[in-house]
Amino acid sequence: MDSSICKSWISKHYSLPAYRQIIWYWITILTFGVFFTVMWSSYCQWPLSMLPLRHRSVFINETQMLKIPEDLGFSEYEWDQIQRALHWGEPDHQITNATMSTSPDHSTFLINNFKDSYYVGEELHATIFARDFTGMPKHYGGDFFQAKVYSDTLKASVFGEVLDHQNGTYSARFTLPWVGKALVAIRLIHSSEGVQVLKRIRDSSYIYYLGFFVGKNPQGARVEEKAICNIKWEGLVLPGEGERCEYKDARTGATWHCRKPQTLPCDALLYHNTDELMRDITTALDRVFMSRQHVDHWLKGDSRQIRVIVSNSTIGTIKSCKPGMPTPTPAGFYMNNIWTSFVCAARHFGDVNDRTQCLKDKQIYTMGDSTLRQWFEFLCGAVPTLKRMNLYSDRQVGPFMAVDVENNILLHHRSHGAPRCCPDGPIAAMHYISNQIDDLAGGPHTVIVLNVLAHFTQFPVSFYAHRVYQIRRAVVALLKRAPQTKVIIKTANTGYKDLNRSDWLAMQLDQILREVFRDVGVYILDVWQMTACHYNADDLHPAQVIVQNEIDILLSFICPN
């Protein structure tokens, strides 16, 4: 429609002041709508669905999001989703002294709208108030808190979700799943200032390994030489001068490289040493932020006891375990040291015969780090008919194998490829997980359990994302050729709080792992919450009582009701 006709029509039906009133009316409505949406998302107890599950941050600054690195394999949309999952708040001004950081002694929390009693299944909310070492309130977010509701008497606990409001306050949300008394516990793992140290160190070239080259000199005597090695990745510098030896995997394109040894050839590389060599690129202030005074402290807060009574509502789920099921928060809870899952109707395999029958006619391949080797060792003890074979392999790298001929069970474990910390581990025994999967036919009797996390926390997230992408490619191809294969992905354990292997670093990688395998048709076995909320002390290799509950979930995935 011509603009002059529009103006004529408006003039005919509305006076000019009325026309302006209409415009201002709609501007006001739209402005209020946007403001209400933001405030509701920020301060109500329902978090924004696009953001990470365990510790959410309300506002995302688009300028902080990294552009997709070349050759990672992800689409722009996938990389955008990964960046959103990784977003974390940060200080809004320069930090010049340690007193400006979040103090666990001065920070506190308060249960919102406390009641005399609560019903089973009801939600409980608390507000966390971050303060610095002078006692002043913080006005920006980015602190890393973990929260739980627990009962020592009942040996019960449930994980809580923390929402960062980016203004120095945080909301903690809990589901109350048992009848009885309970308390709230919240701890500061890292201050916002400490998290910034972790991010900067992670993205720097500060860690490398030793390669051991073995051969003979012209006189026939054995010669052993050492050289600095590391992954080859953009932005990571290999210290030293002179020639390099490159070891590129033909299928994944992953490259490991070392400084060329003094006399031996590149093909003489035999072992990979666990002792990482580190350049100290921390400042004095960095070291304070990562010191014991600042890291991993329970807050002094609301100590009122929560009384939970019986209700008519049903808590839990009766859905059979199947691939692709989402992980809620909470994912379950402990009661008398037994985990009840909210993901699916998991069973408890307390009887040896139940475990044996579940694994009967199965080939189970575990691929990953020592936390999966812990599962391998647990199963060998939990199913007495499984006989471990002596393959004379490295005690950490493997491969390991156990068989039950009568019940036709094969249990196999192998470490993932470099980077990996191991004492003089043989390079030839470290296979990339994607290659291991490519070499399997799969089928209804094949179960693959994998994880790849703990040894990657010192490297840029782009490198880890690329490694996980290669694994996803292999899994997608496997499920295409053998759709009845069961693929189970174990998430990260909690346990470390130091500069190199912090829970915050592991959580970031865990977010990538979950995002990359979203909608792929695999089982996600969440052990993050199981290890974070239990009363046992944090340990990357958790106590047997926790492992037993993890194995119950694993077997429930393999043998659903």
Protein backbone atom coordinates (compact mmCIF):
# COMPACT_ATOMS: atom_id res chain seq x y z
CA MET A 1 0.00 0.00 0.00
CA ASP A 2 1.26 3.49 -0.92
CA SER A 3 2.43 5.53 2.10
CA SER A 4 0.25 8.55 1.15
CA ILE A 5 -2.85 6.33 1.13
CA CYS A 6 -1.87 4.96 4.59
CA LYS A 7 -1.50 8.46 5.99
CA SER A 8 -4.83 9.52 4.45
CA TRP A 9 -6.61 6.48 5.93
CA ILE A 10 -5.10 7.07 9.39
CA SER A 11 -5.99 10.80 9.27
CA LYS A 12 -9.53 9.90 8.34
CA HIS A 13 -10.09 7.40 11.12
CA TYR A 14 -7.79 8.65 13.86
CA SER A 15 -6.65 12.03 15.02
CA LEU A 16 -2.85 12.47 15.09
CA PRO A 17 -2.68 12.38 18.90
CA ALA A 18 -4.69 9.14 18.93
CA TYR A 19 -2.34 7.59 16.35
CA ARG A 20 0.65 8.48 18.52
CA GLN A 21 -1.09 7.02 21.54
CA ILE A 22 -1.56 3.71 19.72
CA ILE A 23 2.15 3.60 18.82
CA TRP A 24 3.25 4.39 22.37
CA TYR A 25 0.76 1.86 23.71
CA TRP A 26 2.32 -1.00 21.71
CA ILE A 27 5.87 0.12 22.49
CA THR A 28 5.01 0.04 26.20
CA ILE A 29 3.44 -3.42 25.93
CA LEU A 30 6.44 -4.87 24.05
CA THR A 31 8.96 -3.29 26.44
CA PHE A 32 7.16 -4.64 29.47
CA GLY A 33 6.91 -8.08 27.85
CA VAL A 34 10.67 -8.26 27.22
CA PHE A 35 11.45 -6.97 30.72
CA PHE A 36 9.06 -9.45 32.35
CA THR A 37 10.49 -12.38 30.36
CA VAL A 38 14.07 -11.58 31.39
CA MET A 39 13.18 -11.03 35.03
CA TRP A 40 11.11 -14.20 35.19
CA SER A 41 13.90 -16.26 33.66
CA SER A 42 16.41 -14.70 36.02
CA TYR A 43 14.63 -14.85 39.33
CA CYS A 44 12.00 -17.51 39.23
CA GLN A 45 13.02 -21.03 40.03
CA TRP A 46 12.67 -22.40 36.48
CA PRO A 47 15.95 -21.92 34.58
CA LEU A 48 16.42 -21.15 30.93
CA SER A 49 16.32 -24.40 28.98
CA MET A 50 19.17 -23.47 26.67
CA LEU A 51 21.74 -23.28 29.46
CA PRO A 52 23.82 -25.89 31.32
CA LEU A 53 22.05 -28.21 33.73
CA ARG A 54 24.15 -28.28 36.87
CA HIS A 55 25.21 -24.67 37.34
CA ARG A 56 23.27 -22.23 35.21
CA SER A 57 24.16 -18.69 34.24
CA VAL A 58 21.36 -16.36 33.20
CA PHE A 59 22.91 -13.92 30.75
CA ILE A 60 25.10 -14.85 27.79
CA ASN A 61 27.37 -12.22 26.34
CA GLU A 62 27.55 -13.08 22.64
CA THR A 63 30.90 -11.33 22.29
CA GLN A 64 32.41 -13.89 24.67
CA MET A 65 31.48 -16.81 22.44
CA LEU A 66 34.28 -18.27 20.35
CA LYS A 67 33.95 -18.68 16.63
CA ILE A 68 34.03 -22.28 15.45
CA PRO A 69 37.63 -23.39 14.89
CA GLU A 70 38.37 -24.84 11.50
CA ASP A 71 38.16 -28.59 10.85
CA LEU A 72 36.43 -29.50 14.12
CA GLY A 73 33.61 -31.15 12.20
CA PHE A 74 30.72 -29.35 13.88
CA SER A 75 28.10 -27.26 12.15
CA GLU A 76 27.81 -23.63 13.21
CA TYR A 77 24.62 -24.48 15.10
CA GLU A 78 26.28 -27.35 17.00
CA TRP A 79 29.27 -25.20 17.95
CA ASP A 80 26.92 -22.42 19.07
CA GLN A 81 25.11 -24.88 21.34
CA ILE A 82 28.41 -26.07 22.79
CA GLN A 83 29.47 -22.49 23.49
CA ARG A 84 26.19 -21.78 25.22
CA ALA A 85 26.63 -24.88 27.36
CA LEU A 86 30.13 -23.71 28.35
CA HIS A 87 29.24 -20.11 29.11
CA TRP A 88 30.32 -19.02 32.58
CA GLY A 89 30.08 -15.73 34.43
CA GLU A 90 33.20 -13.72 35.25
CA PRO A 91 34.28 -10.63 37.22
CA ASP A 92 33.10 -7.35 35.73
CA HIS A 93 36.26 -5.47 36.76
CA GLN A 94 39.95 -6.08 37.27
CA ILE A 95 40.88 -8.09 40.37
CA THR A 96 43.96 -6.61 42.01
CA ASN A 97 44.10 -8.36 45.39
CA ALA A 98 42.92 -11.55 47.07
CA THR A 99 40.44 -9.85 49.40
CA MET A 100 38.26 -9.05 46.38
CA SER A 101 37.56 -12.76 45.74
CA THR A 102 34.66 -14.76 47.13
CA SER A 103 35.20 -15.80 50.72
CA PRO A 104 33.74 -19.15 51.86
CA ASP A 105 33.78 -17.87 55.45
CA HIS A 106 31.78 -14.72 54.70
CA SER A 107 29.41 -16.16 52.06
CA THR A 108 26.21 -17.75 53.31
CA PHE A 109 22.83 -19.17 52.26
CA LEU A 110 19.23 -18.97 53.43
CA ILE A 111 16.33 -21.37 52.86
CA ASN A 112 13.53 -19.49 51.13
CA ASN A 113 10.07 -19.43 52.73
CA PHE A 114 10.96 -22.04 55.34
CA LYS A 115 8.04 -24.21 56.49
CA ASP A 116 7.43 -26.50 59.45
CA SER A 117 7.09 -29.46 57.11
CA TYR A 118 7.37 -30.40 53.46
CA TYR A 119 5.87 -33.21 51.42
CA VAL A 120 7.88 -35.87 49.63
CA GLY A 121 8.43 -34.65 46.07
CA GLU A 122 8.13 -30.99 47.01
CA GLU A 123 10.81 -28.56 45.92
CA LEU A 124 12.98 -26.63 48.33
CA HIS A 125 14.74 -23.39 47.37
CA ALA A 126 17.63 -21.55 48.94
CA THR A 127 19.46 -18.32 48.11
CA ILE A 128 23.25 -18.11 48.21
CA PHE A 129 24.83 -14.74 49.03
CA ALA A 130 28.45 -14.39 47.87
CA ARG A 131 30.69 -12.02 49.82
CA ASP A 132 34.33 -11.12 49.52
CA PHE A 133 37.03 -11.42 52.21
CA THR A 134 36.11 -8.03 53.64
CA GLY A 135 32.52 -9.17 54.08
CA MET A 136 31.17 -6.96 51.29
CA PRO A 137 28.49 -8.43 48.97
CA LYS A 138 29.67 -9.50 45.52
CA HIS A 139 27.95 -7.85 42.55
CA TYR A 140 28.90 -10.30 39.79
CA GLY A 141 28.64 -14.05 39.33
CA GLY A 142 30.86 -16.88 38.21
CA ASP A 143 31.45 -18.69 41.50
CA PHE A 144 31.37 -22.49 41.35
CA PHE A 145 29.08 -23.89 44.05
CA GLN A 146 27.88 -27.44 44.65
CA ALA A 147 24.74 -28.08 46.69
CA LYS A 148 22.93 -31.02 48.23
CA VAL A 149 20.25 -31.99 50.73
CA TYR A 150 21.33 -34.84 52.99
CA SER A 151 20.71 -36.93 56.09
CA ASP A 152 23.62 -38.62 57.83
CA THR A 153 21.25 -40.80 59.85
CA LEU A 154 19.48 -42.14 56.77
CA LYS A 155 22.65 -42.17 54.64
CA ALA A 156 20.56 -40.20 52.17
CA SER A 157 21.44 -37.36 49.83
CA VAL A 158 20.25 -35.62 46.69
CA PHE A 159 22.03 -33.23 44.33
CA GLY A 160 20.88 -29.64 43.97
CA GLU A 161 20.88 -27.35 40.95
CA VAL A 162 22.50 -23.91 41.26
CA LEU A 163 21.38 -20.92 39.19
CA ASP A 164 23.76 -17.95 38.85
CA HIS A 165 21.97 -14.59 38.74
CA GLN A 166 25.19 -12.78 37.75
CA ASN A 167 24.80 -10.29 40.61
CA GLY A 168 26.47 -12.08 43.50
CA THR A 169 23.40 -14.12 44.42
CA TYR A 170 22.54 -17.67 43.40
CA SER A 171 19.46 -19.87 43.69
CA ALA A 172 19.74 -23.50 44.75
CA ARG A 173 16.86 -25.83 43.89
CA PHE A 174 16.29 -29.25 45.46
CA THR A 175 13.72 -32.02 45.24
CA LEU A 176 12.89 -33.66 48.58
CA PRO A 177 12.64 -37.39 47.79
CA TRP A 178 12.53 -39.18 51.17
CA VAL A 179 10.47 -39.16 54.37
CA GLY A 180 12.41 -37.94 57.38
CA LYS A 181 14.70 -35.14 58.38
CA ALA A 182 17.26 -33.42 56.19
CA LEU A 183 19.70 -30.53 56.02
CA VAL A 184 20.97 -28.27 53.24
CA ALA A 185 24.71 -28.15 52.50
CA ILE A 186 26.39 -25.84 50.01
CA ARG A 187 30.09 -25.54 49.34
CA LEU A 188 32.23 -23.16 47.36
CA ILE A 189 34.48 -25.20 45.08
CA HIS A 190 36.11 -22.23 43.31
CA SER A 191 35.56 -18.51 43.50
CA SER A 192 34.79 -16.61 40.33
CA GLU A 193 38.36 -15.33 40.45
CA GLY A 194 39.70 -18.87 40.77
CA VAL A 195 37.64 -20.01 37.79
CA GLN A 196 39.28 -17.31 35.67
CA VAL A 197 42.69 -18.72 36.63
CA LEU A 198 41.55 -22.21 35.58
CA LYS A 199 40.27 -20.93 32.23
CA ARG A 200 43.45 -19.01 31.43
CA ILE A 201 45.78 -21.84 32.42
CA ARG A 202 43.74 -24.42 30.51
CA ASP A 203 43.94 -22.44 27.28
CA SER A 204 47.71 -21.90 27.59
CA SER A 205 50.50 -24.17 26.43
CA TYR A 206 51.78 -25.10 29.87
CA ILE A 207 51.85 -28.90 30.01
CA TYR A 208 53.75 -31.55 28.07
CA TYR A 209 54.96 -35.12 28.43
CA LEU A 210 58.06 -37.26 28.05
CA GLY A 211 58.53 -39.79 25.29
CA PHE A 212 61.02 -42.63 25.75
CA PHE A 213 62.88 -43.75 22.66
CA VAL A 214 64.66 -47.12 22.76
CA GLY A 215 67.14 -48.51 20.25
CA LYS A 216 70.74 -49.48 19.71
CA ASN A 217 73.86 -47.50 18.93
CA PRO A 218 76.30 -48.47 16.13
CA GLN A 219 78.09 -50.76 18.57
CA GLY A 220 74.89 -52.70 19.28
CA ALA A 221 74.43 -51.44 22.84
CA ARG A 222 70.96 -50.53 24.11
CA VAL A 223 70.26 -46.79 24.06
CA GLU A 224 67.39 -44.99 25.75
CA GLU A 225 66.69 -41.32 25.08
CA LYS A 226 63.99 -38.96 26.30
CA ALA A 227 62.26 -36.13 24.45
CA ILE A 228 59.45 -33.69 25.15
CA CYS A 229 56.12 -34.65 23.56
CA ASN A 230 52.57 -33.34 23.36
CA ILE A 231 49.47 -33.16 21.23
CA LYS A 232 49.79 -31.08 18.08
CA TRP A 233 47.09 -28.43 18.22
CA GLU A 234 46.72 -24.82 17.23
CA GLY A 235 48.04 -22.52 19.93
CA LEU A 236 50.00 -25.23 21.77
CA VAL A 237 53.77 -24.85 21.54
CA LEU A 238 56.19 -27.76 21.83
CA PRO A 239 59.12 -26.50 23.94
CA GLY A 240 62.67 -26.84 22.73
CA GLU A 241 64.46 -26.41 19.43
CA GLY A 242 65.39 -28.62 16.53
CA GLU A 243 63.56 -31.25 14.49
CA ARG A 244 60.28 -32.82 15.48
CA CYS A 245 58.88 -36.33 15.10
CA GLU A 246 55.21 -36.43 14.12
CA TYR A 247 52.89 -39.38 14.66
CA LYS A 248 49.64 -38.81 12.80
CA ASP A 249 46.79 -41.27 13.04
CA ALA A 250 45.61 -42.01 9.53
CA ARG A 251 41.95 -42.41 10.47
CA THR A 252 41.32 -39.66 13.01
CA GLY A 253 43.94 -37.17 11.84
CA ALA A 254 45.05 -36.77 15.47
CA THR A 255 48.75 -35.92 15.72
CA TRP A 256 51.18 -36.54 18.56
CA HIS A 257 54.60 -35.00 18.20
CA CYS A 258 57.93 -35.03 20.02
CA ARG A 259 61.26 -33.32 19.79
CA LYS A 260 63.56 -35.61 17.83
CA PRO A 261 65.90 -37.49 20.18
CA GLN A 262 69.61 -36.88 19.95
CA THR A 263 70.63 -40.05 18.07
CA LEU A 264 67.68 -42.41 17.73
CA PRO A 265 65.15 -42.27 14.86
CA CYS A 266 61.54 -41.19 15.26
CA ASP A 267 60.22 -44.76 14.97
CA ALA A 268 62.09 -45.71 18.15
CA LEU A 269 59.37 -44.14 20.36
CA LEU A 270 58.11 -46.88 22.67
CA TYR A 271 56.82 -45.38 25.92
CA HIS A 272 54.83 -42.43 27.12
CA ASN A 273 55.54 -41.16 30.61
CA THR A 274 52.98 -40.01 33.15
CA ASP A 275 55.12 -37.27 34.66
CA GLU A 276 53.80 -34.15 33.01
CA LEU A 277 56.25 -31.31 32.75
CA MET A 278 54.66 -27.95 33.45
CA ARG A 279 55.65 -24.40 32.79
CA ASP A 280 54.65 -22.32 35.77
CA ILE A 281 52.64 -19.53 34.22
CA THR A 282 50.70 -18.68 37.37
CA THR A 283 51.08 -15.39 39.21
CA ALA A 284 51.34 -14.98 42.96
CA LEU A 285 47.70 -13.88 43.00
CA ASP A 286 46.69 -16.95 40.95
CA ARG A 287 48.28 -19.20 43.53
CA VAL A 288 46.36 -17.49 46.33
CA PHE A 289 43.05 -18.00 44.50
CA MET A 290 43.86 -21.72 44.14
CA SER A 291 45.12 -22.14 47.72
CA ARG A 292 43.39 -24.23 50.38
CA GLN A 293 41.95 -21.11 52.03
CA HIS A 294 39.94 -20.33 48.88
CA VAL A 295 39.04 -23.77 47.50
CA ASP A 296 36.48 -26.42 48.49
CA HIS A 297 34.84 -25.08 51.66
CA TRP A 298 31.36 -25.66 53.06
CA LEU A 299 29.45 -22.45 53.66
CA LYS A 300 28.05 -21.45 57.03
CA GLY A 301 24.36 -20.95 56.37
CA ASP A 302 20.83 -21.91 57.22
CA SER A 303 21.09 -24.90 59.57
CA ARG A 304 17.37 -25.35 60.20
CA GLN A 305 16.31 -28.97 59.94
CA ILE A 306 13.88 -29.85 57.16
CA ARG A 307 11.01 -32.18 58.05
CA VAL A 308 9.65 -34.19 55.12
CA ILE A 309 6.39 -36.10 55.46
CA VAL A 310 4.52 -38.62 53.34
CA SER A 311 2.52 -37.36 50.38
CA ASN A 312 0.16 -38.92 47.85
CA SER A 313 2.32 -37.87 44.91
CA THR A 314 4.50 -40.44 43.19
CA ILE A 315 8.18 -39.68 43.00
CA GLY A 316 10.52 -41.39 40.58
CA THR A 317 9.81 -43.00 37.24
CA ILE A 318 8.45 -46.27 35.88
CA LYS A 319 9.83 -45.71 32.39
CA SER A 320 11.96 -48.53 31.09
CA CYS A 321 15.60 -47.63 30.43
CA LYS A 322 16.25 -46.87 26.78
CA PRO A 323 18.75 -44.82 24.78
CA GLY A 324 18.31 -41.09 24.41
CA MET A 325 16.62 -40.49 27.77
CA PRO A 326 17.41 -37.04 29.22
CA THR A 327 19.16 -36.61 32.57
CA PRO A 328 17.07 -34.52 34.98
CA THR A 329 18.32 -32.64 38.02
CA PRO A 330 18.19 -34.44 40.31
CA ALA A 331 19.01 -37.63 38.43
CA GLY A 332 18.19 -39.67 41.53
CA PHE A 333 18.97 -39.87 45.23
CA TYR A 334 20.66 -42.04 47.83
CA MET A 335 18.73 -43.68 50.65
CA ASN A 336 20.58 -46.13 52.91
CA ASN A 337 23.43 -45.96 50.41
CA ILE A 338 21.21 -47.20 47.56
CA TRP A 339 20.69 -44.98 44.55
CA THR A 340 17.18 -44.60 43.14
CA SER A 341 17.26 -43.27 39.60
CA PHE A 342 14.92 -40.61 38.24
CA VAL A 343 16.15 -41.23 34.68
CA CYS A 344 14.50 -44.61 34.25
CA ALA A 345 13.29 -47.63 36.25
CA ALA A 346 16.73 -48.93 37.19
CA ARG A 347 17.08 -52.18 39.10
CA HIS A 348 19.40 -53.22 41.91
CA PHE A 349 21.46 -56.26 41.01
CA GLY A 350 22.33 -57.46 44.48
CA ASP A 351 22.32 -61.12 43.53
CA VAL A 352 25.23 -62.76 41.68
CA ASN A 353 22.85 -64.76 39.50
CA ASP A 354 21.03 -61.57 38.42
CA ARG A 355 24.30 -59.98 37.29
CA THR A 356 25.40 -63.15 35.51
CA GLN A 357 22.12 -63.57 33.66
CA CYS A 358 22.19 -59.93 32.59
CA LEU A 359 25.67 -60.31 31.09
CA LYS A 360 25.00 -63.75 29.58
CA ASP A 361 25.85 -63.93 25.85
CA LYS A 362 27.24 -60.39 25.94
CA GLN A 363 30.49 -58.89 24.71
CA ILE A 364 31.18 -55.79 26.81
CA TYR A 365 33.89 -53.40 25.65
CA THR A 366 34.90 -50.62 28.04
CA MET A 367 37.06 -47.88 26.52
CA GLY A 368 38.40 -44.94 28.46
CA ASP A 369 40.32 -43.99 31.58
CA SER A 370 40.96 -45.55 34.98
CA THR A 371 37.43 -44.81 36.23
CA LEU A 372 36.17 -47.32 33.65
CA ARG A 373 38.98 -49.70 34.55
CA GLN A 374 37.52 -49.49 38.06
CA TRP A 375 34.21 -50.75 36.61
CA PHE A 376 36.03 -53.59 34.82
CA GLU A 377 37.67 -54.64 38.08
CA PHE A 378 34.40 -54.37 40.01
CA LEU A 379 32.58 -56.61 37.52
CA CYS A 380 35.36 -59.19 37.68
CA GLY A 381 34.73 -59.41 41.44
CA ALA A 382 30.93 -59.13 41.26
CA VAL A 383 30.57 -62.00 38.78
CA PRO A 384 32.77 -64.83 40.18
CA THR A 385 32.46 -66.93 37.03
CA LEU A 386 34.31 -64.21 35.08
CA LYS A 387 37.94 -65.31 34.93
CA ARG A 388 40.50 -62.64 34.24
CA MET A 389 43.05 -63.49 31.57
CA ASN A 390 46.69 -62.56 32.04
CA LEU A 391 47.57 -60.71 28.85
CA TYR A 392 50.86 -59.46 30.36
CA SER A 393 49.75 -55.96 29.48
CA ASP A 394 50.54 -52.67 31.17
CA ARG A 395 48.74 -52.49 34.53
CA GLN A 396 47.10 -49.14 33.73
CA VAL A 397 46.82 -48.97 29.95
CA GLY A 398 45.79 -52.55 29.27
CA PRO A 399 44.29 -54.21 27.37
CA PHE A 400 42.53 -56.37 29.95
CA MET A 401 40.14 -59.26 29.35
CA ALA A 402 37.92 -61.52 31.44
CA VAL A 403 35.80 -64.42 30.15
CA ASP A 404 33.02 -66.68 31.39
CA VAL A 405 32.96 -69.61 29.00
CA GLU A 406 29.90 -71.27 30.55
CA ASN A 407 27.74 -68.15 30.22
CA ASN A 408 29.43 -66.87 27.06
CA ILE A 409 30.51 -63.53 28.55
CA LEU A 410 33.45 -61.47 27.29
CA LEU A 411 34.58 -58.40 29.23
CA HIS A 412 37.28 -56.26 27.63
CA HIS A 413 38.94 -52.99 28.66
CA ARG A 414 41.43 -50.75 26.90
CA SER A 415 42.68 -47.25 27.61
CA HIS A 416 41.94 -44.35 25.29
CA GLY A 417 44.73 -42.85 23.21
CA ALA A 418 47.08 -40.03 24.16
CA PRO A 419 47.10 -37.69 25.96
CA ARG A 420 47.12 -39.96 28.95
CA CYS A 421 48.95 -40.03 32.27
CA CYS A 422 50.57 -43.39 32.87
CA PRO A 423 53.98 -44.58 34.12
CA ASP A 424 55.94 -45.59 31.03
CA GLY A 425 52.82 -46.75 29.21
CA PRO A 426 53.46 -48.40 25.85
CA ILE A 427 52.42 -46.13 23.00
CA ALA A 428 51.26 -49.08 20.88
CA ALA A 429 48.70 -50.06 23.55
CA MET A 430 46.96 -46.65 23.52
CA HIS A 431 44.26 -46.82 20.86
CA TYR A 432 41.95 -43.99 19.90
CA ILE A 433 38.40 -44.84 20.94
CA SER A 434 36.96 -43.97 17.53
CA ASN A 435 39.31 -46.46 15.91
CA GLN A 436 38.37 -49.15 18.42
CA ILE A 437 34.69 -48.62 17.61
CA ASP A 438 35.34 -48.64 13.87
CA ASP A 439 36.91 -52.08 14.25
CA LEU A 440 33.82 -53.62 15.88
CA ALA A 441 30.98 -55.20 13.93
CA GLY A 442 28.47 -54.55 16.72
CA GLY A 443 25.12 -56.26 17.08
CA PRO A 444 22.53 -57.25 19.71
CA HIS A 445 25.12 -58.99 21.88
CA THR A 446 27.60 -56.10 21.86
CA VAL A 447 27.76 -53.43 24.57
CA ILE A 448 30.19 -50.51 24.35
CA VAL A 449 30.87 -48.40 27.43
CA LEU A 450 33.09 -45.38 26.96
CA ASN A 451 34.36 -42.26 28.65
CA VAL A 452 37.07 -39.76 27.85
CA LEU A 453 37.48 -36.92 30.34
CA ALA A 454 39.97 -36.92 33.20
CA HIS A 455 43.14 -36.73 31.09
CA PHE A 456 41.87 -33.86 28.93
CA THR A 457 41.23 -31.15 31.50
CA GLN A 458 44.58 -29.45 30.85
CA PHE A 459 43.87 -28.81 27.17
CA PRO A 460 41.77 -26.30 25.20
CA VAL A 461 38.11 -27.21 24.88
CA SER A 462 38.37 -27.12 21.08
CA PHE A 463 40.82 -30.03 21.20
CA TYR A 464 38.54 -32.06 23.45
CA ALA A 465 35.49 -31.24 21.30
CA HIS A 466 37.32 -32.50 18.22
CA ARG A 467 38.24 -35.76 19.97
CA VAL A 468 34.65 -36.31 21.10
CA TYR A 469 33.39 -35.47 17.60
CA GLN A 470 35.56 -38.26 16.17
CA ILE A 471 34.05 -40.67 18.68
CA ARG A 472 30.54 -39.54 17.77
CA ARG A 473 31.28 -40.13 14.10
CA ALA A 474 32.35 -43.69 14.89
CA VAL A 475 29.30 -44.30 17.12
CA VAL A 476 26.88 -43.00 14.49
CA ALA A 477 28.45 -45.29 11.88
CA LEU A 478 28.29 -48.26 14.26
CA LEU A 479 24.62 -47.70 15.08
CA LYS A 480 23.89 -47.39 11.37
CA ARG A 481 25.46 -50.75 10.52
CA ALA A 482 24.36 -52.47 13.75
CA PRO A 483 21.46 -50.52 15.33
CA GLN A 484 20.93 -53.09 18.10
CA THR A 485 24.34 -52.32 19.60
CA LYS A 486 24.12 -50.67 23.00
CA VAL A 487 26.41 -47.66 23.47
CA ILE A 488 26.67 -46.28 27.00
CA ILE A 489 28.57 -43.10 27.83
CA LYS A 490 29.81 -42.59 31.37
CA THR A 491 30.00 -38.95 32.42
CA ALA A 492 32.63 -37.29 34.62
CA ASN A 493 33.36 -38.12 38.24
CA THR A 494 33.90 -35.35 40.74
CA GLY A 495 37.06 -35.53 42.81
CA TYR A 496 39.77 -33.03 41.91
CA LYS A 497 39.97 -29.45 43.15
CA ASP A 498 43.47 -28.41 42.07
CA LEU A 499 44.85 -26.35 39.22
CA ASN A 500 45.23 -29.15 36.68
CA ARG A 501 42.29 -31.42 37.34
CA SER A 502 39.59 -29.33 38.91
CA ASP A 503 35.93 -30.34 39.02
CA TRP A 504 35.16 -27.11 37.17
CA LEU A 505 37.43 -28.15 34.29
CA ALA A 506 35.88 -31.62 34.26
CA MET A 507 32.37 -30.15 34.30
CA GLN A 508 33.13 -28.08 31.22
CA LEU A 509 34.25 -31.17 29.31
CA ASP A 510 31.26 -33.07 30.63
CA GLN A 511 28.98 -30.41 29.13
CA ILE A 512 30.66 -30.87 25.75
CA LEU A 513 30.32 -34.66 25.96
CA ARG A 514 26.60 -34.46 26.69
CA GLU A 515 25.97 -31.83 24.03
CA VAL A 516 27.86 -33.70 21.30
CA PHE A 517 25.96 -36.94 21.97
CA ARG A 518 22.56 -35.30 22.28
CA ASP A 519 20.01 -37.13 20.07
CA VAL A 520 22.56 -39.72 18.87
CA GLY A 521 20.71 -42.67 20.39
CA VAL A 522 23.10 -43.58 23.21
CA TYR A 523 22.66 -44.05 26.94
CA ILE A 524 24.08 -41.29 29.13
CA LEU A 525 25.04 -42.69 32.53
CA ASP A 526 25.26 -39.69 34.84
CA VAL A 527 27.77 -40.31 37.64
CA TRP A 528 28.48 -36.62 38.27
CA GLN A 529 25.56 -36.27 40.67
CA MET A 530 26.20 -39.69 42.20
CA THR A 531 29.77 -38.77 43.13
CA ALA A 532 29.07 -35.13 44.07
CA CYS A 533 26.31 -35.68 46.66
CA HIS A 534 27.49 -38.83 48.48
CA TYR A 535 28.81 -38.49 52.03
CA ASN A 536 32.12 -40.16 51.15
CA ALA A 537 35.04 -37.82 50.57
CA ASP A 538 35.57 -36.73 46.98
CA ASP A 539 37.73 -39.15 45.05
CA LEU A 540 38.20 -39.50 41.31
CA HIS A 541 38.06 -43.24 41.97
CA PRO A 542 35.03 -43.35 44.27
CA ALA A 543 34.30 -45.77 47.09
CA GLN A 544 32.95 -49.23 46.27
CA VAL A 545 29.48 -48.31 47.56
CA ILE A 546 29.24 -45.64 44.86
CA VAL A 547 30.69 -47.88 42.14
CA GLN A 548 28.18 -50.60 43.00
CA ASN A 549 25.31 -48.15 42.42
CA GLU A 550 26.91 -47.04 39.15
CA ILE A 551 27.11 -50.67 38.04
CA ASP A 552 23.42 -51.16 38.89
CA ILE A 553 22.56 -48.36 36.47
CA LEU A 554 24.90 -49.85 33.86
CA LEU A 555 23.26 -53.26 34.13
CA SER A 556 19.81 -51.66 34.04
CA PHE A 557 20.75 -50.10 30.71
CA ILE A 558 21.99 -53.44 29.42
CA CYS A 559 19.00 -55.38 30.80
CA PRO A 560 16.02 -53.01 31.19
CA ASN A 561 12.82 -54.12 32.88
